[in-house]
């Protein structure tokens, strides 16, 4: 499909990107993203080698999501579709229009027909379809700040109950001398000659085109002949600050938490990026963790395992509980104590898994030795290892 000199694809006016993704026109951003991910996975070329139909579907899905997956682009696309639905083909592609009427010219419709500042559909659709209007933009577009990564170490009990910590961050920020413009203070900028003030360039991928940040101006749309001596023209510097971060109850060791709007400052009034905190949990001396459950090893004596007993088991941050050990309990058996584990996201708690370990005394008193020798004599007929040798010789 041919493009006009503004990069506008005429066939896009006839495409229903919502239908391509299988969602309704009033679908939420999350519904659109979910539909795109599902279709992209099912039709990805790497997963379907040689399947031309799925390769084409993958391209169409990517093209649709590039437009309706972006809030600004989606708004302009909906406005364009409304204009199209209201009067057939309002663009008059190709020479004449039906009925002998003269078709529209893209230069008039999307160009700078009225001179600087005239506005028009070119302003509304230019960045949606990868084209450049002849109108120059004098104000850099707002850009979201970079995301910031950091690590925080907390105690085992704090990981279960939640804690607020202080984080000292050093992150990317606008240069304090040029305010993020990249130009020497007191000098005037001019329009970037590479992107002609659009802030992006168009990369043709064969089936569709993608807008990419201009490599010359970095998306600022304007450039300075004399760079800022402080930042070397990058427009960026370093910012040190301390923030409070709430670590939720039940966080696991190695878990990554996202704090929206706590990252680096944006450019030209853009929003802050996000802060990602990787949590490290200090091990406990007694308790361990397995998912939402806590674990503990409880030593018991031979007679408690053989005859049974009621024993006390500690809980983390609470009163001990009584565990009934049945007679004949083997070493290594695990008992579940409900509701004494880690807190879950829904506010309920996991369980405490108590594993009993039979302890063999290193030193025996005279009476204990005499009693054990009597027990050995009484159980001399038990061939504990009979099956072991029978199976070994099988």
Protein backbone atom coordinates (compact mmCIF):
# COMPACT_ATOMS: atom_id res chain seq x y z
CA UNK A 1 0.00 0.00 0.00
CA UNK A 2 1.45 3.33 -1.05
CA UNK A 3 2.08 6.17 1.37
CA UNK A 4 1.74 9.89 0.84
CA UNK A 5 4.79 12.05 1.52
CA UNK A 6 3.67 12.41 5.14
CA UNK A 7 3.96 8.62 5.68
CA UNK A 8 0.18 8.08 6.02
CA UNK A 9 -1.01 4.56 5.13
CA UNK A 10 -4.33 4.89 3.32
CA UNK A 11 -5.43 1.31 4.10
CA UNK A 12 -5.31 1.96 7.86
CA UNK A 13 -8.48 4.03 7.56
CA UNK A 14 -10.36 0.83 6.66
CA UNK A 15 -8.90 -1.39 9.38
CA UNK A 16 -10.73 -2.36 12.58
CA UNK A 17 -7.90 -2.84 15.07
CA UNK A 18 -10.34 -3.80 17.83
CA UNK A 19 -11.69 -6.68 15.74
CA UNK A 20 -8.12 -7.76 14.93
CA UNK A 21 -7.47 -8.14 18.67
CA UNK A 22 -10.89 -9.68 19.33
CA UNK A 23 -12.01 -6.99 21.81
CA UNK A 24 -14.82 -4.48 21.92
CA UNK A 25 -14.31 -0.81 21.08
CA UNK A 26 -14.85 0.14 24.74
CA UNK A 27 -12.41 -2.49 26.04
CA UNK A 28 -10.13 -1.43 28.88
CA UNK A 29 -6.38 -1.05 28.45
CA UNK A 30 -5.83 -4.24 30.49
CA UNK A 31 -8.28 -6.20 28.30
CA UNK A 32 -6.49 -4.99 25.17
CA UNK A 33 -3.06 -5.90 26.58
CA UNK A 34 -4.29 -9.35 27.67
CA UNK A 35 -5.79 -10.05 24.23
CA UNK A 36 -2.61 -8.91 22.47
CA UNK A 37 -0.31 -11.06 24.61
CA UNK A 38 -2.49 -14.12 24.07
CA UNK A 39 -2.58 -13.67 20.28
CA UNK A 40 1.11 -12.75 20.07
CA UNK A 41 2.13 -15.92 21.93
CA UNK A 42 -0.14 -18.10 19.80
CA UNK A 43 1.08 -16.66 16.49
CA UNK A 44 4.72 -15.77 17.16
CA UNK A 45 6.98 -16.80 14.23
CA UNK A 46 9.47 -18.48 16.59
CA UNK A 47 6.74 -20.82 17.84
CA UNK A 48 5.24 -21.43 14.40
CA UNK A 49 8.09 -21.87 11.89
CA UNK A 50 6.86 -22.09 8.31
CA UNK A 51 3.26 -21.15 9.18
CA UNK A 52 2.69 -18.15 6.88
CA UNK A 53 -0.88 -17.58 8.07
CA UNK A 54 0.18 -17.22 11.69
CA UNK A 55 3.12 -15.00 10.73
CA UNK A 56 0.69 -12.65 8.95
CA UNK A 57 -1.65 -12.75 11.93
CA UNK A 58 1.25 -11.85 14.24
CA UNK A 59 2.05 -8.78 12.12
CA UNK A 60 -1.58 -7.66 12.09
CA UNK A 61 -1.91 -8.10 15.86
CA UNK A 62 1.30 -6.13 16.46
CA UNK A 63 0.10 -3.34 14.16
CA UNK A 64 -3.27 -3.17 15.96
CA UNK A 65 -1.73 -3.11 19.43
CA UNK A 66 0.76 -0.40 18.39
CA UNK A 67 -2.23 1.89 17.85
CA UNK A 68 -5.00 0.96 20.32
CA UNK A 69 -2.51 -0.13 22.99
CA UNK A 70 -1.36 3.48 23.34
CA UNK A 71 -3.84 5.84 25.02
CA UNK A 72 -3.04 8.90 22.88
CA UNK A 73 -2.90 6.98 19.63
CA UNK A 74 -6.11 5.16 20.47
CA UNK A 75 -7.96 8.43 21.04
CA UNK A 76 -6.85 9.82 17.68
CA UNK A 77 -7.60 6.55 15.92
CA UNK A 78 -11.15 6.56 17.33
CA UNK A 79 -11.61 10.15 16.14
CA UNK A 80 -10.34 9.23 12.69
CA UNK A 81 -12.70 6.21 12.52
CA UNK A 82 -15.63 8.42 13.51
CA UNK A 83 -14.83 10.82 10.67
CA UNK A 84 -14.52 7.92 8.27
CA UNK A 85 -17.82 6.35 9.35
CA UNK A 86 -19.64 9.66 9.10
CA UNK A 87 -18.94 10.28 5.41
CA UNK A 88 -17.70 7.15 3.71
CA UNK A 89 -14.09 7.77 2.65
CA UNK A 90 -13.37 11.38 3.65
CA UNK A 91 -9.82 11.23 2.35
CA UNK A 92 -10.57 10.76 -1.36
CA UNK A 93 -7.61 8.48 -2.08
CA UNK A 94 -6.40 8.15 -5.60
CA UNK A 95 -7.39 10.96 -8.10
CA UNK A 96 -11.16 11.45 -8.18
CA UNK A 97 -13.99 10.61 -5.82
CA UNK A 98 -17.25 8.80 -6.61
CA UNK A 99 -19.75 10.89 -8.53
CA UNK A 100 -17.07 12.92 -10.29
CA UNK A 101 -16.22 14.93 -7.18
CA UNK A 102 -12.64 15.95 -6.70
CA UNK A 103 -10.78 13.85 -4.08
CA UNK A 104 -8.83 15.33 -1.19
CA UNK A 105 -5.12 15.86 -1.47
CA UNK A 106 -2.96 14.66 1.42
CA UNK A 107 -0.82 17.75 1.14
CA UNK A 108 -3.92 19.90 1.81
CA UNK A 109 -5.44 17.60 4.39
CA UNK A 110 -2.38 16.72 6.47
CA UNK A 111 0.13 19.37 5.48
CA UNK A 112 0.57 22.96 6.53
CA UNK A 113 -2.25 24.31 4.38
CA UNK A 114 -2.90 27.35 6.47
CA UNK A 115 0.66 28.28 7.34
CA UNK A 116 2.36 27.99 10.68
CA UNK A 117 -0.06 27.44 13.51
CA UNK A 118 -3.00 26.46 11.27
CA UNK A 119 -3.45 23.07 12.97
CA UNK A 120 -5.79 20.67 11.17
CA UNK A 121 -5.97 16.89 10.83
CA UNK A 122 -2.25 16.67 10.28
CA UNK A 123 -1.70 17.64 13.89
CA UNK A 124 -4.22 15.06 15.03
CA UNK A 125 -3.04 12.10 12.94
CA UNK A 126 0.62 12.84 12.25
CA UNK A 127 2.19 10.96 15.12
CA UNK A 128 -0.43 8.18 14.95
CA UNK A 129 0.56 7.05 11.47
CA UNK A 130 4.28 7.72 11.60
CA UNK A 131 4.13 10.75 9.32
CA UNK A 132 5.63 14.18 9.71
CA UNK A 133 3.64 17.34 9.17
CA UNK A 134 5.28 20.45 7.86
CA UNK A 135 4.35 22.31 10.99
CA UNK A 136 7.31 22.67 13.36
CA UNK A 137 6.86 21.93 17.05
CA UNK A 138 8.59 24.37 19.34
CA UNK A 139 7.98 22.56 22.63
CA UNK A 140 9.67 19.21 23.47
CA UNK A 141 7.24 16.44 24.26
CA UNK A 142 7.00 15.17 27.82
CA UNK A 143 8.92 11.95 28.48
CA UNK A 144 8.47 9.55 31.39
CA UNK A 145 11.48 9.21 33.70
CA UNK A 146 13.62 6.09 33.86
CA UNK A 147 12.83 3.20 36.20
CA UNK A 148 15.18 2.73 39.16
CA UNK A 149 16.37 -0.55 40.71
CA UNK A 150 17.52 -1.01 44.30
CA UNK A 151 17.87 -3.72 46.97
CA UNK A 152 16.63 -3.68 50.57
CA UNK A 153 17.45 -6.13 53.38
CA UNK A 154 14.85 -6.71 56.12
CA UNK A 155 14.49 -9.08 59.07
CA UNK A 156 12.58 -12.37 58.97
CA UNK A 157 9.82 -11.13 61.30
CA UNK A 158 9.48 -7.87 59.33
CA UNK A 159 8.95 -9.88 56.16
CA UNK A 160 5.94 -11.57 57.78
CA UNK A 161 4.39 -8.51 59.41
CA UNK A 162 5.34 -5.79 56.89
CA UNK A 163 7.59 -2.80 57.54
CA UNK A 164 8.23 0.76 56.35
CA UNK A 165 11.87 1.38 55.45
CA UNK A 166 13.93 4.38 54.34
CA UNK A 167 15.75 4.10 51.03
CA UNK A 168 18.56 6.40 49.91
CA UNK A 169 18.45 6.62 46.11
CA UNK A 170 20.75 8.11 43.53
CA UNK A 171 18.95 8.27 40.21
CA UNK A 172 18.92 9.95 36.84
CA UNK A 173 17.36 13.44 36.83
CA UNK A 174 17.23 16.58 34.63
CA UNK A 175 20.48 18.55 34.64
CA UNK A 176 20.14 21.36 37.23
CA UNK A 177 21.93 23.91 35.00
CA UNK A 178 20.08 23.44 31.68
CA UNK A 179 16.86 22.04 33.19
CA UNK A 180 17.10 18.99 30.97
CA UNK A 181 17.32 20.80 27.61
CA UNK A 182 20.92 19.75 26.95
CA UNK A 183 21.83 23.24 25.70
CA UNK A 184 24.20 25.81 27.13
CA UNK A 185 22.24 28.21 29.37
CA UNK A 186 21.44 31.43 27.49
CA UNK A 187 21.59 29.90 24.00
CA UNK A 188 18.61 29.29 21.72
CA UNK A 189 17.63 25.96 20.17
CA UNK A 190 16.59 25.16 16.63
CA UNK A 191 14.57 22.35 15.03
CA UNK A 192 16.35 19.00 14.74
CA UNK A 193 17.34 18.46 11.07
CA UNK A 194 17.12 14.66 11.29
CA UNK A 195 13.52 14.27 12.46
CA UNK A 196 12.45 17.78 11.35
CA UNK A 197 11.03 18.50 14.77
CA UNK A 198 8.92 15.35 15.11
CA UNK A 199 11.08 13.82 17.85
CA UNK A 200 11.04 10.42 16.16
CA UNK A 201 11.98 8.69 12.92
CA UNK A 202 10.00 6.02 11.05
CA UNK A 203 11.41 2.52 10.67
CA UNK A 204 9.77 0.44 7.94
CA UNK A 205 9.51 -3.21 9.04
CA UNK A 206 8.01 -4.48 5.80
CA UNK A 207 4.41 -5.08 6.89
CA UNK A 208 4.13 -2.01 9.09
CA UNK A 209 6.21 0.87 10.34
CA UNK A 210 7.33 1.73 13.86
CA UNK A 211 8.18 5.13 15.31
CA UNK A 212 11.60 5.27 16.99
CA UNK A 213 13.16 8.02 19.10
CA UNK A 214 15.26 10.34 16.97
CA UNK A 215 18.96 9.46 17.44
CA UNK A 216 20.04 13.09 16.94
CA UNK A 217 17.83 14.97 19.39
CA UNK A 218 16.86 12.03 21.63
CA UNK A 219 13.17 12.84 21.19
CA UNK A 220 13.50 16.45 22.36
CA UNK A 221 12.64 17.78 18.87
CA UNK A 222 15.06 20.66 19.35
CA UNK A 223 18.86 20.79 19.40
CA UNK A 224 21.46 23.29 20.57
CA UNK A 225 24.65 24.19 18.75
CA UNK A 226 26.40 24.69 22.08
CA UNK A 227 25.90 21.82 24.57
CA UNK A 228 25.50 22.39 28.28
CA UNK A 229 28.99 22.23 29.87
CA UNK A 230 27.64 20.54 32.98
CA UNK A 231 25.93 17.53 31.38
CA UNK A 232 27.74 17.56 28.01
CA UNK A 233 24.47 17.97 26.13
CA UNK A 234 22.74 14.90 27.56
CA UNK A 235 20.33 16.98 29.63
CA UNK A 236 20.65 14.52 32.49
CA UNK A 237 22.36 14.50 35.87
CA UNK A 238 22.22 12.64 39.17
CA UNK A 239 19.78 13.25 41.99
CA UNK A 240 20.15 11.97 45.57
CA UNK A 241 17.04 11.58 47.73
CA UNK A 242 15.58 9.55 50.57
CA UNK A 243 12.13 7.99 50.29
CA UNK A 244 9.90 5.88 52.52
CA UNK A 245 8.89 2.51 51.09
CA UNK A 246 6.26 0.20 52.53
CA UNK A 247 7.21 -3.48 52.34
CA UNK A 248 3.97 -5.49 52.49
CA UNK A 249 3.37 -8.32 54.97
CA UNK A 250 4.23 -11.76 53.62
CA UNK A 251 6.98 -10.63 51.24
CA UNK A 252 9.33 -13.44 50.19
CA UNK A 253 13.12 -13.46 49.94
CA UNK A 254 14.12 -12.25 46.46
CA UNK A 255 10.67 -10.80 45.70
CA UNK A 256 10.59 -7.68 43.49
CA UNK A 257 8.23 -4.90 44.53
CA UNK A 258 7.12 -2.07 42.21
CA UNK A 259 6.55 1.43 43.62
CA UNK A 260 4.88 3.57 40.96
CA UNK A 261 6.11 7.12 40.46
CA UNK A 262 9.13 6.72 42.76
CA UNK A 263 11.74 6.45 40.00
CA UNK A 264 13.71 9.07 38.10
CA UNK A 265 12.14 12.40 37.13
CA UNK A 266 10.79 12.77 33.59
CA UNK A 267 11.74 15.29 30.92
CA UNK A 268 9.72 18.35 29.89
CA UNK A 269 7.21 17.84 32.69
CA UNK A 270 6.84 14.10 32.10
CA UNK A 271 5.91 11.75 34.98
CA UNK A 272 8.44 10.01 37.20
CA UNK A 273 9.48 6.46 36.41
CA UNK A 274 8.92 3.56 38.79
CA UNK A 275 11.09 2.16 41.58
CA UNK A 276 11.70 -1.61 41.72
CA UNK A 277 12.87 -2.92 45.11
CA UNK A 278 14.33 -6.42 45.37
CA UNK A 279 13.82 -7.60 48.96
CA UNK A 280 16.42 -9.72 50.76
CA UNK A 281 15.17 -11.44 53.94
CA UNK A 282 17.63 -12.30 56.74
CA UNK A 283 17.30 -15.99 57.74
CA UNK A 284 15.83 -16.83 61.18
CA UNK A 285 17.76 -18.96 63.69
CA UNK A 286 14.92 -21.46 64.14
CA UNK A 287 12.15 -20.86 61.62
CA UNK A 288 12.28 -21.29 57.87
CA UNK A 289 9.77 -20.58 55.13
CA UNK A 290 8.18 -22.68 52.40
CA UNK A 291 5.75 -20.64 50.32
CA UNK A 292 3.15 -19.22 52.72
CA UNK A 293 4.04 -21.78 55.40
CA UNK A 294 6.66 -21.54 58.13
CA UNK A 295 8.85 -24.51 59.03
CA UNK A 296 10.50 -25.59 62.28
CA UNK A 297 12.45 -28.67 63.38
CA UNK A 298 11.46 -30.02 66.82
CA UNK A 299 13.75 -32.49 68.68
CA UNK A 300 12.02 -35.33 70.54
CA UNK A 301 13.39 -38.24 72.58
CA UNK A 302 13.18 -41.94 71.69
CA UNK A 303 10.61 -42.65 74.37
CA UNK A 304 8.42 -39.74 73.19
CA UNK A 305 8.49 -41.12 69.66
CA UNK A 306 7.87 -44.71 70.77
CA UNK A 307 5.27 -44.12 73.49
CA UNK A 308 3.73 -40.85 72.27
CA UNK A 309 3.70 -37.51 74.07
CA UNK A 310 2.25 -34.00 74.19
CA UNK A 311 5.05 -31.53 73.43
CA UNK A 312 5.29 -27.73 73.24
CA UNK A 313 6.15 -26.18 69.86
CA UNK A 314 7.18 -22.49 69.54
CA UNK A 315 5.42 -20.14 67.11
CA UNK A 316 6.87 -16.97 65.61
CA UNK A 317 5.75 -13.94 67.57
CA UNK A 318 3.07 -15.86 69.49
CA UNK A 319 2.46 -18.27 72.36
CA UNK A 320 3.67 -21.90 72.08
CA UNK A 321 1.17 -24.52 70.95
CA UNK A 322 0.76 -28.11 72.16
CA UNK A 323 1.42 -30.82 69.58
CA UNK A 324 0.21 -34.39 70.20
CA UNK A 325 2.84 -36.87 68.97
CA UNK A 326 1.25 -40.30 68.45
CA UNK A 327 2.97 -43.45 69.69
CA UNK A 328 5.28 -44.94 67.08
CA UNK A 329 6.07 -41.66 65.35
CA UNK A 330 9.13 -42.01 63.09
CA UNK A 331 11.89 -39.42 62.96
CA UNK A 332 11.32 -36.88 60.18
CA UNK A 333 7.52 -36.89 60.32
CA UNK A 334 5.98 -33.45 59.68
CA UNK A 335 2.90 -32.13 61.50
CA UNK A 336 0.77 -29.23 60.25
CA UNK A 337 -0.24 -26.54 62.75
CA UNK A 338 -2.84 -24.45 60.93
CA UNK A 339 -2.91 -20.65 60.89
CA UNK A 340 0.58 -20.13 62.37
CA UNK A 341 2.43 -19.41 59.12
CA UNK A 342 3.12 -16.37 56.97
CA UNK A 343 0.47 -13.86 56.00
CA UNK A 344 -1.03 -14.31 52.52
CA UNK A 345 -2.04 -11.49 50.14
CA UNK A 346 -5.72 -12.03 51.08
CA UNK A 347 -4.98 -11.42 54.79
CA UNK A 348 -5.20 -15.07 55.88
CA UNK A 349 -2.22 -17.01 57.19
CA UNK A 350 -0.44 -20.14 56.08
CA UNK A 351 0.49 -23.02 58.40
CA UNK A 352 3.42 -23.98 60.61
CA UNK A 353 5.06 -27.23 59.48
CA UNK A 354 6.72 -28.89 62.50
CA UNK A 355 9.11 -31.74 61.66
CA UNK A 356 10.08 -33.97 64.61
CA UNK A 357 13.65 -35.29 64.81
CA UNK A 358 14.35 -38.20 67.19
CA UNK A 359 17.49 -37.47 69.21
CA UNK A 360 19.97 -40.19 70.19
CA UNK A 361 21.69 -39.44 73.50
CA UNK A 362 25.47 -39.26 73.27
CA UNK A 363 25.98 -40.33 76.91
CA UNK A 364 23.83 -42.78 78.91
CA UNK A 365 23.59 -43.10 82.69
CA UNK A 366 23.74 -46.49 84.36
CA UNK A 367 19.96 -46.80 84.79
CA UNK A 368 19.25 -45.65 81.23
CA UNK A 369 21.78 -48.13 79.82
CA UNK A 370 20.30 -50.96 81.90
CA UNK A 371 16.81 -50.09 80.66
CA UNK A 372 17.94 -50.00 77.03
CA UNK A 373 19.74 -53.32 77.35
CA UNK A 374 16.54 -54.80 78.76
CA UNK A 375 14.64 -53.33 75.81
CA UNK A 376 17.18 -54.86 73.39
CA UNK A 377 16.73 -58.25 74.96
CA UNK A 378 12.96 -57.96 74.83
CA UNK A 379 12.98 -57.08 71.11
CA UNK A 380 15.76 -59.42 70.01
CA UNK A 381 13.39 -61.35 67.76
CA UNK A 382 12.53 -58.31 65.62
CA UNK A 383 14.37 -58.64 62.33
CA UNK A 384 14.33 -55.01 61.22
CA UNK A 385 16.70 -55.56 58.32
CA UNK A 386 15.31 -58.84 57.06
CA UNK A 387 13.56 -57.30 54.06
CA UNK A 388 16.65 -55.26 53.30
CA UNK A 389 18.80 -58.35 52.75
CA UNK A 390 16.01 -60.27 51.01
CA UNK A 391 15.54 -57.49 48.49
CA UNK A 392 19.29 -57.05 48.06
CA UNK A 393 19.59 -60.67 46.97
CA UNK A 394 16.54 -60.60 44.68
